[in-house]
Amino acid sequence: MSAVLDAAFFARWMAAADAAVDREADRLTELDAAIGDADHGVNMRRGFTAVVSAQEVEPQATPGAVLVAAGRRLISTVGGASGPLYGTLLRGAGKALGDAAEVTPEDLGRALRAGVEAVARLGGAAAGDKTMLDALEPGARALERGGGFGEAARAAREGAVATVPMLARKGRASYLGERSVGHEDPGAASSALLFAALAEAAA
């Protein structure tokens, strides 16, 4: 029988994501320095800190509302491309969950898949392009098929690591051509952290 997830669980997930990003901000910035603008860690830290602060001031009543509010906050506070992309992911997932007071992990997996599809449309990217989608898609799929939070976190992390030998075809890294090969995509790395935080919240 699947676990039942309420708004409090989703608030814990956002808090765990904030803590994970804070811990890993320097690593995310180092990854971004190699193939991007060297600001991903700083931007993500600012964004998730704002998400948690807003949640404390104005708690949301449903899982979907937690994610929609988090997505809006990320769009308004995170610089560069990450804000709109992460905001689209969470808002899309939140809208897919609707007004339900409680959801299952499989429901969340399906909702995240909807968010991932929205990110793909916004960025014009697909899995294999060396972007956040390379971690998001396998993580969401694992959750949707009932693999659980731990399996979803592993799938997302493996997807992020798999970007190392890839040639970037989208985003800032694509401007580097062959020089993008050999580096982990920072967006995929932070996306894997999002799934790791989900597993942590569940534990």
C-alpha atoms as a PDB file:
ATOM      1  CA  MET A   1       0.000   0.000   0.000  1.00  0.00           C
ATOM      2  CA  SER A   2       1.359   3.407  -0.994  1.00  0.00           C
ATOM      3  CA  ALA A   3       2.143   6.061   1.565  1.00  0.00           C
ATOM      4  CA  VAL A   4      -0.225   9.029   1.751  1.00  0.00           C
ATOM      5  CA  LEU A   5       1.424  12.426   1.431  1.00  0.00           C
ATOM      6  CA  ASP A   6      -0.117  15.622   2.772  1.00  0.00           C
ATOM      7  CA  ALA A   7       0.836  19.305   2.660  1.00  0.00           C
ATOM      8  CA  ALA A   8       3.082  18.925   5.720  1.00  0.00           C
ATOM      9  CA  PHE A   9       5.113  16.288   3.868  1.00  0.00           C
ATOM     10  CA  PHE A  10       5.565  18.601   0.886  1.00  0.00           C
ATOM     11  CA  ALA A  11       6.652  21.427   3.190  1.00  0.00           C
ATOM     12  CA  ARG A  12       9.250  19.032   4.697  1.00  0.00           C
ATOM     13  CA  TRP A  13      10.410  18.205   1.180  1.00  0.00           C
ATOM     14  CA  MET A  14      10.987  21.866   0.362  1.00  0.00           C
ATOM     15  CA  ALA A  15      12.850  22.330   3.668  1.00  0.00           C
ATOM     16  CA  ALA A  16      15.011  19.279   2.913  1.00  0.00           C
ATOM     17  CA  ALA A  17      15.695  20.648  -0.574  1.00  0.00           C
ATOM     18  CA  ASP A  18      16.739  23.969   0.926  1.00  0.00           C
ATOM     19  CA  ALA A  19      19.146  22.199   3.302  1.00  0.00           C
ATOM     20  CA  ALA A  20      20.559  20.016   0.510  1.00  0.00           C
ATOM     21  CA  VAL A  21      21.130  22.967  -1.811  1.00  0.00           C
ATOM     22  CA  ASP A  22      22.746  24.919   1.016  1.00  0.00           C
ATOM     23  CA  ARG A  23      25.135  22.015   1.714  1.00  0.00           C
ATOM     24  CA  GLU A  24      25.979  21.514  -1.948  1.00  0.00           C
ATOM     25  CA  ALA A  25      25.932  25.126  -3.174  1.00  0.00           C
ATOM     26  CA  ASP A  26      29.702  25.335  -3.566  1.00  0.00           C
ATOM     27  CA  ARG A  27      29.802  22.105  -5.579  1.00  0.00           C
ATOM     28  CA  LEU A  28      26.960  23.287  -7.810  1.00  0.00           C
ATOM     29  CA  THR A  29      28.824  26.549  -8.432  1.00  0.00           C
ATOM     30  CA  GLU A  30      32.033  24.655  -9.244  1.00  0.00           C
ATOM     31  CA  LEU A  31      30.161  22.516 -11.759  1.00  0.00           C
ATOM     32  CA  ASP A  32      28.630  25.648 -13.264  1.00  0.00           C
ATOM     33  CA  ALA A  33      32.001  27.401 -13.401  1.00  0.00           C
ATOM     34  CA  ALA A  34      33.254  24.711 -15.789  1.00  0.00           C
ATOM     35  CA  ILE A  35      30.443  24.994 -18.347  1.00  0.00           C
ATOM     36  CA  GLY A  36      28.182  27.869 -17.298  1.00  0.00           C
ATOM     37  CA  ASP A  37      28.103  31.202 -15.487  1.00  0.00           C
ATOM     38  CA  ALA A  38      29.396  30.026 -12.073  1.00  0.00           C
ATOM     39  CA  ASP A  39      26.224  31.169 -10.291  1.00  0.00           C
ATOM     40  CA  HIS A  40      24.027  28.067 -10.070  1.00  0.00           C
ATOM     41  CA  GLY A  41      24.768  27.253  -6.435  1.00  0.00           C
ATOM     42  CA  VAL A  42      24.253  30.828  -5.287  1.00  0.00           C
ATOM     43  CA  ASN A  43      21.038  31.194  -7.257  1.00  0.00           C
ATOM     44  CA  MET A  44      19.564  27.905  -6.084  1.00  0.00           C
ATOM     45  CA  ARG A  45      20.435  28.623  -2.460  1.00  0.00           C
ATOM     46  CA  ARG A  46      18.709  32.006  -2.657  1.00  0.00           C
ATOM     47  CA  GLY A  47      15.661  30.478  -4.293  1.00  0.00           C
ATOM     48  CA  PHE A  48      15.029  27.613  -1.889  1.00  0.00           C
ATOM     49  CA  THR A  49      15.722  29.809   1.130  1.00  0.00           C
ATOM     50  CA  ALA A  50      12.974  32.091  -0.166  1.00  0.00           C
ATOM     51  CA  VAL A  51      10.652  29.118  -0.721  1.00  0.00           C
ATOM     52  CA  VAL A  52      11.017  27.958   2.885  1.00  0.00           C
ATOM     53  CA  SER A  53      10.672  31.472   4.293  1.00  0.00           C
ATOM     54  CA  ALA A  54       7.461  32.023   2.343  1.00  0.00           C
ATOM     55  CA  GLN A  55       6.086  28.665   3.467  1.00  0.00           C
ATOM     56  CA  GLU A  56       6.710  29.580   7.107  1.00  0.00           C
ATOM     57  CA  VAL A  57       4.893  32.898   6.703  1.00  0.00           C
ATOM     58  CA  GLU A  58       1.988  31.533   4.667  1.00  0.00           C
ATOM     59  CA  PRO A  59       1.608  27.735   4.928  1.00  0.00           C
ATOM     60  CA  GLN A  60      -0.266  26.105   2.071  1.00  0.00           C
ATOM     61  CA  ALA A  61      -3.128  23.692   2.693  1.00  0.00           C
ATOM     62  CA  THR A  62      -2.592  21.078  -0.024  1.00  0.00           C
ATOM     63  CA  PRO A  63       0.364  19.337  -1.706  1.00  0.00           C
ATOM     64  CA  GLY A  64      -0.407  21.014  -5.016  1.00  0.00           C
ATOM     65  CA  ALA A  65      -0.567  24.449  -3.418  1.00  0.00           C
ATOM     66  CA  VAL A  66       2.806  23.920  -1.717  1.00  0.00           C
ATOM     67  CA  LEU A  67       4.444  23.158  -5.064  1.00  0.00           C
ATOM     68  CA  VAL A  68       2.701  25.951  -6.968  1.00  0.00           C
ATOM     69  CA  ALA A  69       3.745  28.488  -4.330  1.00  0.00           C
ATOM     70  CA  ALA A  70       7.312  27.150  -4.358  1.00  0.00           C
ATOM     71  CA  GLY A  71       7.452  27.385  -8.130  1.00  0.00           C
ATOM     72  CA  ARG A  72       6.266  30.966  -8.120  1.00  0.00           C
ATOM     73  CA  ARG A  73       8.841  31.887  -5.487  1.00  0.00           C
ATOM     74  CA  LEU A  74      11.667  30.290  -7.477  1.00  0.00           C
ATOM     75  CA  ILE A  75      10.663  32.165 -10.618  1.00  0.00           C
ATOM     76  CA  SER A  76      10.700  35.461  -8.723  1.00  0.00           C
ATOM     77  CA  THR A  77      13.977  34.967  -6.825  1.00  0.00           C
ATOM     78  CA  VAL A  78      16.316  32.704  -8.827  1.00  0.00           C
ATOM     79  CA  GLY A  79      18.451  34.362 -11.492  1.00  0.00           C
ATOM     80  CA  GLY A  80      19.354  33.037 -14.910  1.00  0.00           C
ATOM     81  CA  ALA A  81      17.494  30.211 -16.613  1.00  0.00           C
ATOM     82  CA  SER A  82      17.182  28.122 -13.447  1.00  0.00           C
ATOM     83  CA  GLY A  83      14.356  30.168 -11.926  1.00  0.00           C
ATOM     84  CA  PRO A  84      11.902  29.791 -14.812  1.00  0.00           C
ATOM     85  CA  LEU A  85      12.854  26.130 -15.350  1.00  0.00           C
ATOM     86  CA  TYR A  86      12.591  25.033 -11.728  1.00  0.00           C
ATOM     87  CA  GLY A  87       9.548  27.209 -11.231  1.00  0.00           C
ATOM     88  CA  THR A  88       7.885  25.608 -14.251  1.00  0.00           C
ATOM     89  CA  LEU A  89       8.718  22.145 -12.907  1.00  0.00           C
ATOM     90  CA  LEU A  90       7.143  22.709  -9.492  1.00  0.00           C
ATOM     91  CA  ARG A  91       4.203  24.767 -10.706  1.00  0.00           C
ATOM     92  CA  GLY A  92       3.442  22.185 -13.378  1.00  0.00           C
ATOM     93  CA  ALA A  93       3.591  19.367 -10.843  1.00  0.00           C
ATOM     94  CA  GLY A  94       1.493  21.310  -8.360  1.00  0.00           C
ATOM     95  CA  LYS A  95      -1.193  22.054 -10.922  1.00  0.00           C
ATOM     96  CA  ALA A  96      -1.259  18.391 -11.944  1.00  0.00           C
ATOM     97  CA  LEU A  97      -1.907  17.400  -8.314  1.00  0.00           C
ATOM     98  CA  GLY A  98      -4.877  19.748  -8.201  1.00  0.00           C
ATOM     99  CA  ASP A  99      -6.729  20.387  -4.938  1.00  0.00           C
ATOM    100  CA  ALA A 100      -6.284  16.933  -3.381  1.00  0.00           C
ATOM    101  CA  ALA A 101      -5.516  17.083   0.341  1.00  0.00           C
ATOM    102  CA  GLU A 102      -3.479  13.871   0.146  1.00  0.00           C
ATOM    103  CA  VAL A 103      -1.646  12.140  -2.715  1.00  0.00           C
ATOM    104  CA  THR A 104       0.381   8.958  -3.216  1.00  0.00           C
ATOM    105  CA  PRO A 105       4.010   8.744  -4.356  1.00  0.00           C
ATOM    106  CA  GLU A 106       2.742   7.475  -7.701  1.00  0.00           C
ATOM    107  CA  ASP A 107       0.480  10.523  -7.987  1.00  0.00           C
ATOM    108  CA  LEU A 108       3.532  12.675  -7.335  1.00  0.00           C
ATOM    109  CA  GLY A 109       5.501  10.786  -9.967  1.00  0.00           C
ATOM    110  CA  ARG A 110       2.799  11.457 -12.551  1.00  0.00           C
ATOM    111  CA  ALA A 111       2.623  15.102 -11.509  1.00  0.00           C
ATOM    112  CA  LEU A 112       6.391  15.482 -11.769  1.00  0.00           C
ATOM    113  CA  ARG A 113       6.275  13.939 -15.228  1.00  0.00           C
ATOM    114  CA  ALA A 114       3.801  16.688 -16.185  1.00  0.00           C
ATOM    115  CA  GLY A 115       6.199  19.258 -14.729  1.00  0.00           C
ATOM    116  CA  VAL A 116       9.124  17.712 -16.604  1.00  0.00           C
ATOM    117  CA  GLU A 117       7.173  17.896 -19.872  1.00  0.00           C
ATOM    118  CA  ALA A 118       6.501  21.585 -19.203  1.00  0.00           C
ATOM    119  CA  VAL A 119      10.227  22.160 -18.602  1.00  0.00           C
ATOM    120  CA  ALA A 120      11.039  20.378 -21.865  1.00  0.00           C
ATOM    121  CA  ARG A 121       8.626  22.617 -23.751  1.00  0.00           C
ATOM    122  CA  LEU A 122       9.969  25.768 -22.138  1.00  0.00           C
ATOM    123  CA  GLY A 123      13.629  24.944 -22.709  1.00  0.00           C
ATOM    124  CA  GLY A 124      13.224  23.119 -26.010  1.00  0.00           C
ATOM    125  CA  ALA A 125      15.367  20.292 -24.638  1.00  0.00           C
ATOM    126  CA  ALA A 126      15.064  16.530 -24.308  1.00  0.00           C
ATOM    127  CA  ALA A 127      16.770  13.792 -22.342  1.00  0.00           C
ATOM    128  CA  GLY A 128      20.289  13.335 -23.704  1.00  0.00           C
ATOM    129  CA  ASP A 129      20.871  17.046 -24.284  1.00  0.00           C
ATOM    130  CA  LYS A 130      22.924  17.346 -21.049  1.00  0.00           C
ATOM    131  CA  THR A 131      20.400  19.328 -19.016  1.00  0.00           C
ATOM    132  CA  MET A 132      18.356  18.970 -15.840  1.00  0.00           C
ATOM    133  CA  LEU A 133      15.980  16.710 -17.783  1.00  0.00           C
ATOM    134  CA  ASP A 134      18.579  13.934 -17.694  1.00  0.00           C
ATOM    135  CA  ALA A 135      18.036  13.659 -13.921  1.00  0.00           C
ATOM    136  CA  LEU A 136      14.396  14.732 -13.730  1.00  0.00           C
ATOM    137  CA  GLU A 137      12.983  12.238 -16.222  1.00  0.00           C
ATOM    138  CA  PRO A 138      14.404   9.047 -14.685  1.00  0.00           C
ATOM    139  CA  GLY A 139      13.573  10.228 -11.172  1.00  0.00           C
ATOM    140  CA  ALA A 140       9.954  10.970 -12.056  1.00  0.00           C
ATOM    141  CA  ARG A 141       9.599   7.708 -13.993  1.00  0.00           C
ATOM    142  CA  ALA A 142      10.910   5.645 -11.070  1.00  0.00           C
ATOM    143  CA  LEU A 143       8.423   7.282  -8.717  1.00  0.00           C
ATOM    144  CA  GLU A 144       5.522   6.946 -11.125  1.00  0.00           C
ATOM    145  CA  ARG A 145       6.043   3.217 -11.592  1.00  0.00           C
ATOM    146  CA  GLY A 146       6.057   2.616  -7.833  1.00  0.00           C
ATOM    147  CA  GLY A 147       9.795   2.318  -7.261  1.00  0.00           C
ATOM    148  CA  GLY A 148       9.663   4.496  -4.166  1.00  0.00           C
ATOM    149  CA  PHE A 149      11.599   7.550  -3.079  1.00  0.00           C
ATOM    150  CA  GLY A 150      14.944   5.813  -2.670  1.00  0.00           C
ATOM    151  CA  GLU A 151      14.842   4.368  -6.174  1.00  0.00           C
ATOM    152  CA  ALA A 152      13.764   7.719  -7.591  1.00  0.00           C
ATOM    153  CA  ALA A 153      16.703   9.437  -5.886  1.00  0.00           C
ATOM    154  CA  ARG A 154      19.120   6.822  -7.227  1.00  0.00           C
ATOM    155  CA  ALA A 155      17.705   7.102 -10.743  1.00  0.00           C
ATOM    156  CA  ALA A 156      18.009  10.890 -10.696  1.00  0.00           C
ATOM    157  CA  ARG A 157      21.575  10.743  -9.371  1.00  0.00           C
ATOM    158  CA  GLU A 158      22.583   8.181 -11.999  1.00  0.00           C
ATOM    159  CA  GLY A 159      21.012  10.399 -14.640  1.00  0.00           C
ATOM    160  CA  ALA A 160      23.038  13.378 -13.430  1.00  0.00           C
ATOM    161  CA  VAL A 161      26.298  11.393 -13.450  1.00  0.00           C
ATOM    162  CA  ALA A 162      25.480  10.162 -16.956  1.00  0.00           C
ATOM    163  CA  THR A 163      25.689  13.760 -18.225  1.00  0.00           C
ATOM    164  CA  VAL A 164      29.478  13.805 -17.690  1.00  0.00           C
ATOM    165  CA  PRO A 165      30.411  12.244 -21.074  1.00  0.00           C
ATOM    166  CA  MET A 166      27.591  13.976 -22.946  1.00  0.00           C
ATOM    167  CA  LEU A 167      27.987  16.803 -25.450  1.00  0.00           C
ATOM    168  CA  ALA A 168      25.740  19.685 -24.392  1.00  0.00           C
ATOM    169  CA  ARG A 169      23.112  20.487 -27.007  1.00  0.00           C
ATOM    170  CA  LYS A 170      21.032  23.011 -25.072  1.00  0.00           C
ATOM    171  CA  GLY A 171      21.643  25.813 -22.604  1.00  0.00           C
ATOM    172  CA  ARG A 172      24.719  27.845 -21.800  1.00  0.00           C
ATOM    173  CA  ALA A 173      26.992  24.781 -21.917  1.00  0.00           C
ATOM    174  CA  SER A 174      26.092  24.136 -25.570  1.00  0.00           C
ATOM    175  CA  TYR A 175      28.138  27.197 -26.553  1.00  0.00           C
ATOM    176  CA  LEU A 176      31.277  25.305 -25.525  1.00  0.00           C
ATOM    177  CA  GLY A 177      30.806  22.480 -28.007  1.00  0.00           C
ATOM    178  CA  GLU A 178      33.252  19.637 -27.370  1.00  0.00           C
ATOM    179  CA  ARG A 179      34.577  21.397 -24.266  1.00  0.00           C
ATOM    180  CA  SER A 180      31.304  20.600 -22.497  1.00  0.00           C
ATOM    181  CA  VAL A 181      32.242  16.904 -22.536  1.00  0.00           C
ATOM    182  CA  GLY A 182      33.692  15.600 -19.271  1.00  0.00           C
ATOM    183  CA  HIS A 183      31.670  17.811 -16.922  1.00  0.00           C
ATOM    184  CA  GLU A 184      28.516  17.002 -14.949  1.00  0.00           C
ATOM    185  CA  ASP A 185      25.652  19.281 -15.833  1.00  0.00           C
ATOM    186  CA  PRO A 186      24.926  21.563 -12.848  1.00  0.00           C
ATOM    187  CA  GLY A 187      21.178  21.591 -13.498  1.00  0.00           C
ATOM    188  CA  ALA A 188      21.108  17.797 -13.517  1.00  0.00           C
ATOM    189  CA  ALA A 189      23.141  17.792 -10.292  1.00  0.00           C
ATOM    190  CA  SER A 190      20.691  20.126  -8.526  1.00  0.00           C
ATOM    191  CA  SER A 191      17.741  18.148  -9.887  1.00  0.00           C
ATOM    192  CA  ALA A 192      19.227  15.012  -8.349  1.00  0.00           C
ATOM    193  CA  LEU A 193      19.421  16.898  -5.047  1.00  0.00           C
ATOM    194  CA  LEU A 194      15.697  17.595  -5.306  1.00  0.00           C
ATOM    195  CA  PHE A 195      14.986  13.854  -5.451  1.00  0.00           C
ATOM    196  CA  ALA A 196      17.508  13.125  -2.689  1.00  0.00           C
ATOM    197  CA  ALA A 197      15.669  15.654  -0.530  1.00  0.00           C
ATOM    198  CA  LEU A 198      12.390  13.913  -1.349  1.00  0.00           C
ATOM    199  CA  ALA A 199      13.802  10.612  -0.081  1.00  0.00           C
ATOM    200  CA  GLU A 200      15.136  12.384   3.000  1.00  0.00           C
ATOM    201  CA  ALA A 201      11.726  13.921   3.745  1.00  0.00           C
ATOM    202  CA  ALA A 202      10.116  10.499   3.410  1.00  0.00           C
ATOM    203  CA  ALA A 203      12.635   8.949   5.820  1.00  0.00           C
END
